[in-house]
């Protein structure tokens, strides 16, 4: 099963609208999973292996881009 591409999840596009969910893409789920792995204490090498990222930079970008809004919020509240 190739979860990285989302090709093995053909029902995703059908199930989400049935559940009233719009605007969610497989890639969003990958970002969420990457963030949660880091939050659980996995290191960059482990997360890269699990997510299938070819470089550590990809893994860190995926994690950090998901936290961008949090960082802006911190800046705005200081």
N, C-alpha and C. Protein backbone atom coordinates (compact mmCIF):
# COMPACT_ATOMS: atom_id res chain seq x y z
N UNK A 1 0.85 -1.18 0.00
CA UNK A 1 0.00 0.00 0.00
C UNK A 1 0.89 1.24 0.00
N UNK A 2 0.63 2.16 -0.89
CA UNK A 2 1.43 3.39 -1.00
C UNK A 2 0.62 4.54 -0.44
N UNK A 3 0.74 4.76 0.87
CA UNK A 3 -0.02 5.83 1.51
C UNK A 3 0.54 7.21 1.19
N UNK A 4 1.80 7.28 0.78
CA UNK A 4 2.40 8.59 0.52
C UNK A 4 1.70 9.32 -0.61
N UNK A 5 1.24 8.60 -1.61
CA UNK A 5 0.62 9.26 -2.76
C UNK A 5 -0.88 9.41 -2.60
N UNK A 6 -1.47 8.63 -1.73
CA UNK A 6 -2.92 8.67 -1.58
C UNK A 6 -3.64 7.85 -2.63
N UNK A 7 -2.88 7.22 -3.55
CA UNK A 7 -3.50 6.44 -4.62
C UNK A 7 -4.25 5.24 -4.09
N UNK A 8 -3.87 4.72 -2.95
CA UNK A 8 -4.53 3.55 -2.39
C UNK A 8 -5.72 3.93 -1.51
N UNK A 9 -6.13 5.16 -1.58
CA UNK A 9 -7.28 5.61 -0.80
C UNK A 9 -8.35 6.16 -1.73
N UNK A 10 -8.81 5.36 -2.70
CA UNK A 10 -9.78 5.89 -3.67
C UNK A 10 -11.09 6.30 -3.03
N UNK A 11 -11.44 5.70 -1.92
CA UNK A 11 -12.70 6.04 -1.27
C UNK A 11 -12.66 7.35 -0.50
N UNK A 12 -11.47 7.92 -0.31
CA UNK A 12 -11.35 9.15 0.46
C UNK A 12 -12.19 10.27 -0.13
N UNK A 13 -12.12 10.44 -1.43
CA UNK A 13 -12.89 11.51 -2.08
C UNK A 13 -14.39 11.29 -1.99
N UNK A 14 -14.79 10.04 -1.88
CA UNK A 14 -16.21 9.73 -1.78
C UNK A 14 -16.70 9.86 -0.34
N UNK A 15 -15.91 9.38 0.60
CA UNK A 15 -16.34 9.34 2.00
C UNK A 15 -16.41 10.73 2.63
N UNK A 16 -15.45 11.58 2.33
CA UNK A 16 -15.41 12.89 2.97
C UNK A 16 -16.67 13.71 2.72
N UNK A 17 -17.13 13.86 1.47
CA UNK A 17 -18.37 14.61 1.25
C UNK A 17 -19.59 13.96 1.92
N UNK A 18 -19.59 12.63 1.97
CA UNK A 18 -20.69 11.93 2.64
C UNK A 18 -20.74 12.27 4.12
N UNK A 19 -19.59 12.61 4.68
CA UNK A 19 -19.49 12.96 6.11
C UNK A 19 -19.56 14.47 6.33
N UNK A 20 -19.78 15.22 5.24
CA UNK A 20 -19.88 16.67 5.35
C UNK A 20 -18.54 17.37 5.48
N UNK A 21 -17.47 16.70 5.07
CA UNK A 21 -16.12 17.26 5.15
C UNK A 21 -15.70 17.72 3.77
N UNK A 22 -15.32 19.00 3.67
CA UNK A 22 -14.85 19.51 2.38
C UNK A 22 -13.51 20.19 2.55
N UNK A 23 -12.74 20.23 1.48
CA UNK A 23 -11.45 20.93 1.51
C UNK A 23 -10.34 20.16 2.18
N UNK A 24 -10.55 18.90 2.51
CA UNK A 24 -9.50 18.09 3.15
C UNK A 24 -8.89 17.19 2.09
N UNK A 25 -7.56 17.18 2.04
CA UNK A 25 -6.85 16.38 1.06
C UNK A 25 -5.91 15.42 1.77
N UNK A 26 -5.51 14.36 1.08
CA UNK A 26 -4.61 13.38 1.67
C UNK A 26 -3.36 14.05 2.22
N UNK A 27 -2.84 15.03 1.49
CA UNK A 27 -1.62 15.70 1.92
C UNK A 27 -1.80 16.39 3.27
N UNK A 28 -3.00 16.89 3.55
CA UNK A 28 -3.30 17.50 4.86
C UNK A 28 -3.13 16.46 5.96
N UNK A 29 -3.56 15.24 5.69
CA UNK A 29 -3.44 14.17 6.67
C UNK A 29 -1.98 13.82 6.92
N UNK A 30 -1.17 13.87 5.86
CA UNK A 30 0.26 13.60 6.00
C UNK A 30 0.93 14.66 6.88
N UNK A 31 0.56 15.91 6.69
CA UNK A 31 1.10 16.98 7.54
C UNK A 31 0.72 16.74 8.99
N UNK A 32 -0.52 16.40 9.22
CA UNK A 32 -0.99 16.15 10.58
C UNK A 32 -0.25 14.99 11.22
N UNK A 33 -0.09 13.91 10.48
CA UNK A 33 0.62 12.74 11.00
C UNK A 33 2.07 13.08 11.32
N UNK A 34 2.72 13.83 10.45
CA UNK A 34 4.11 14.22 10.67
C UNK A 34 4.24 15.03 11.95
N UNK A 35 3.36 15.98 12.13
CA UNK A 35 3.39 16.81 13.34
C UNK A 35 3.18 15.98 14.59
N UNK A 36 2.23 15.06 14.54
CA UNK A 36 1.95 14.23 15.71
C UNK A 36 3.11 13.30 16.07
N UNK A 37 3.81 12.80 15.05
CA UNK A 37 4.97 11.95 15.33
C UNK A 37 6.03 12.74 16.07
N UNK A 38 6.31 13.97 15.62
CA UNK A 38 7.28 14.81 16.33
C UNK A 38 6.81 15.11 17.75
N UNK A 39 5.54 15.42 17.91
CA UNK A 39 5.00 15.72 19.23
C UNK A 39 5.11 14.52 20.18
N UNK A 40 5.06 13.31 19.62
CA UNK A 40 5.18 12.09 20.43
C UNK A 40 6.63 11.75 20.75
N UNK A 41 7.57 12.53 20.22
CA UNK A 41 8.97 12.33 20.56
C UNK A 41 9.81 11.58 19.55
N UNK A 42 9.25 11.26 18.38
CA UNK A 42 10.05 10.62 17.34
C UNK A 42 11.09 11.62 16.83
N UNK A 43 12.28 11.13 16.48
CA UNK A 43 13.29 12.04 15.95
C UNK A 43 13.14 12.17 14.44
N UNK A 44 13.92 13.07 13.85
CA UNK A 44 13.78 13.38 12.42
C UNK A 44 14.01 12.15 11.55
N UNK A 45 14.99 11.34 11.88
CA UNK A 45 15.27 10.15 11.08
C UNK A 45 14.09 9.18 11.12
N UNK A 46 13.52 8.98 12.29
CA UNK A 46 12.37 8.08 12.41
C UNK A 46 11.17 8.60 11.63
N UNK A 47 10.90 9.89 11.76
CA UNK A 47 9.76 10.48 11.06
C UNK A 47 9.97 10.42 9.55
N UNK A 48 11.18 10.69 9.08
CA UNK A 48 11.48 10.61 7.65
C UNK A 48 11.25 9.20 7.13
N UNK A 49 11.64 8.21 7.90
CA UNK A 49 11.45 6.82 7.48
C UNK A 49 9.97 6.47 7.43
N UNK A 50 9.23 6.85 8.43
CA UNK A 50 7.80 6.54 8.50
C UNK A 50 7.02 7.24 7.39
N UNK A 51 7.32 8.50 7.15
CA UNK A 51 6.56 9.28 6.17
C UNK A 51 7.01 9.05 4.74
N UNK A 52 8.21 8.50 4.57
CA UNK A 52 8.72 8.26 3.23
C UNK A 52 9.39 9.45 2.60
N UNK A 53 9.64 10.49 3.39
CA UNK A 53 10.37 11.65 2.85
C UNK A 53 11.78 11.22 2.48
N UNK A 54 12.27 11.73 1.37
CA UNK A 54 13.60 11.35 0.90
C UNK A 54 14.71 12.09 1.63
N UNK A 55 14.39 13.26 2.19
CA UNK A 55 15.40 14.03 2.90
C UNK A 55 14.85 14.52 4.24
N UNK A 56 15.76 14.80 5.14
CA UNK A 56 15.35 15.37 6.42
C UNK A 56 14.71 16.74 6.20
N UNK A 57 15.21 17.46 5.20
CA UNK A 57 14.67 18.80 4.92
C UNK A 57 13.18 18.72 4.59
N UNK A 58 12.78 17.72 3.80
CA UNK A 58 11.36 17.56 3.49
C UNK A 58 10.55 17.33 4.76
N UNK A 59 11.07 16.48 5.62
CA UNK A 59 10.36 16.16 6.86
C UNK A 59 10.22 17.40 7.73
N UNK A 60 11.30 18.13 7.90
CA UNK A 60 11.26 19.31 8.75
C UNK A 60 10.37 20.39 8.14
N UNK A 61 10.39 20.54 6.82
CA UNK A 61 9.53 21.52 6.17
C UNK A 61 8.06 21.17 6.39
N UNK A 62 7.74 19.88 6.25
CA UNK A 62 6.36 19.44 6.45
C UNK A 62 5.89 19.76 7.86
N UNK A 63 6.75 19.51 8.84
CA UNK A 63 6.40 19.76 10.23
C UNK A 63 6.31 21.25 10.50
N UNK A 64 7.31 21.99 10.08
CA UNK A 64 7.36 23.42 10.38
C UNK A 64 6.28 24.20 9.65
N UNK A 65 5.95 23.81 8.42
CA UNK A 65 4.91 24.53 7.70
C UNK A 65 3.57 24.39 8.40
N UNK A 66 3.35 23.26 9.05
CA UNK A 66 2.12 23.06 9.81
C UNK A 66 2.06 23.90 11.07
N UNK A 67 3.21 24.31 11.56
CA UNK A 67 3.28 25.10 12.80
C UNK A 67 3.35 26.60 12.52
N UNK A 68 3.35 27.01 11.27
CA UNK A 68 3.50 28.41 10.92
C UNK A 68 2.43 29.28 11.58
N UNK A 69 1.19 28.82 11.53
CA UNK A 69 0.10 29.58 12.15
C UNK A 69 0.28 29.74 13.64
N UNK A 70 0.78 28.71 14.30
CA UNK A 70 1.04 28.78 15.74
C UNK A 70 2.10 29.83 16.04
N UNK A 71 3.13 29.89 15.22
CA UNK A 71 4.20 30.85 15.44
C UNK A 71 3.70 32.28 15.25
N UNK A 72 2.87 32.50 14.26
CA UNK A 72 2.30 33.84 14.04
C UNK A 72 1.45 34.23 15.24
N UNK A 73 0.70 33.30 15.75
CA UNK A 73 -0.14 33.57 16.92
C UNK A 73 0.71 33.97 18.13
N UNK A 74 1.82 33.28 18.33
CA UNK A 74 2.73 33.61 19.44
C UNK A 74 3.28 35.02 19.25
N UNK A 75 3.69 35.33 18.04
CA UNK A 75 4.23 36.67 17.74
C UNK A 75 3.17 37.73 18.01
N UNK A 76 1.95 37.50 17.58
CA UNK A 76 0.87 38.47 17.75
C UNK A 76 0.49 38.66 19.22
N UNK A 77 0.72 37.66 20.05
CA UNK A 77 0.32 37.73 21.45
C UNK A 77 1.44 38.22 22.37
N UNK A 78 2.59 38.58 21.81
CA UNK A 78 3.68 39.06 22.66
C UNK A 78 3.85 40.55 22.54
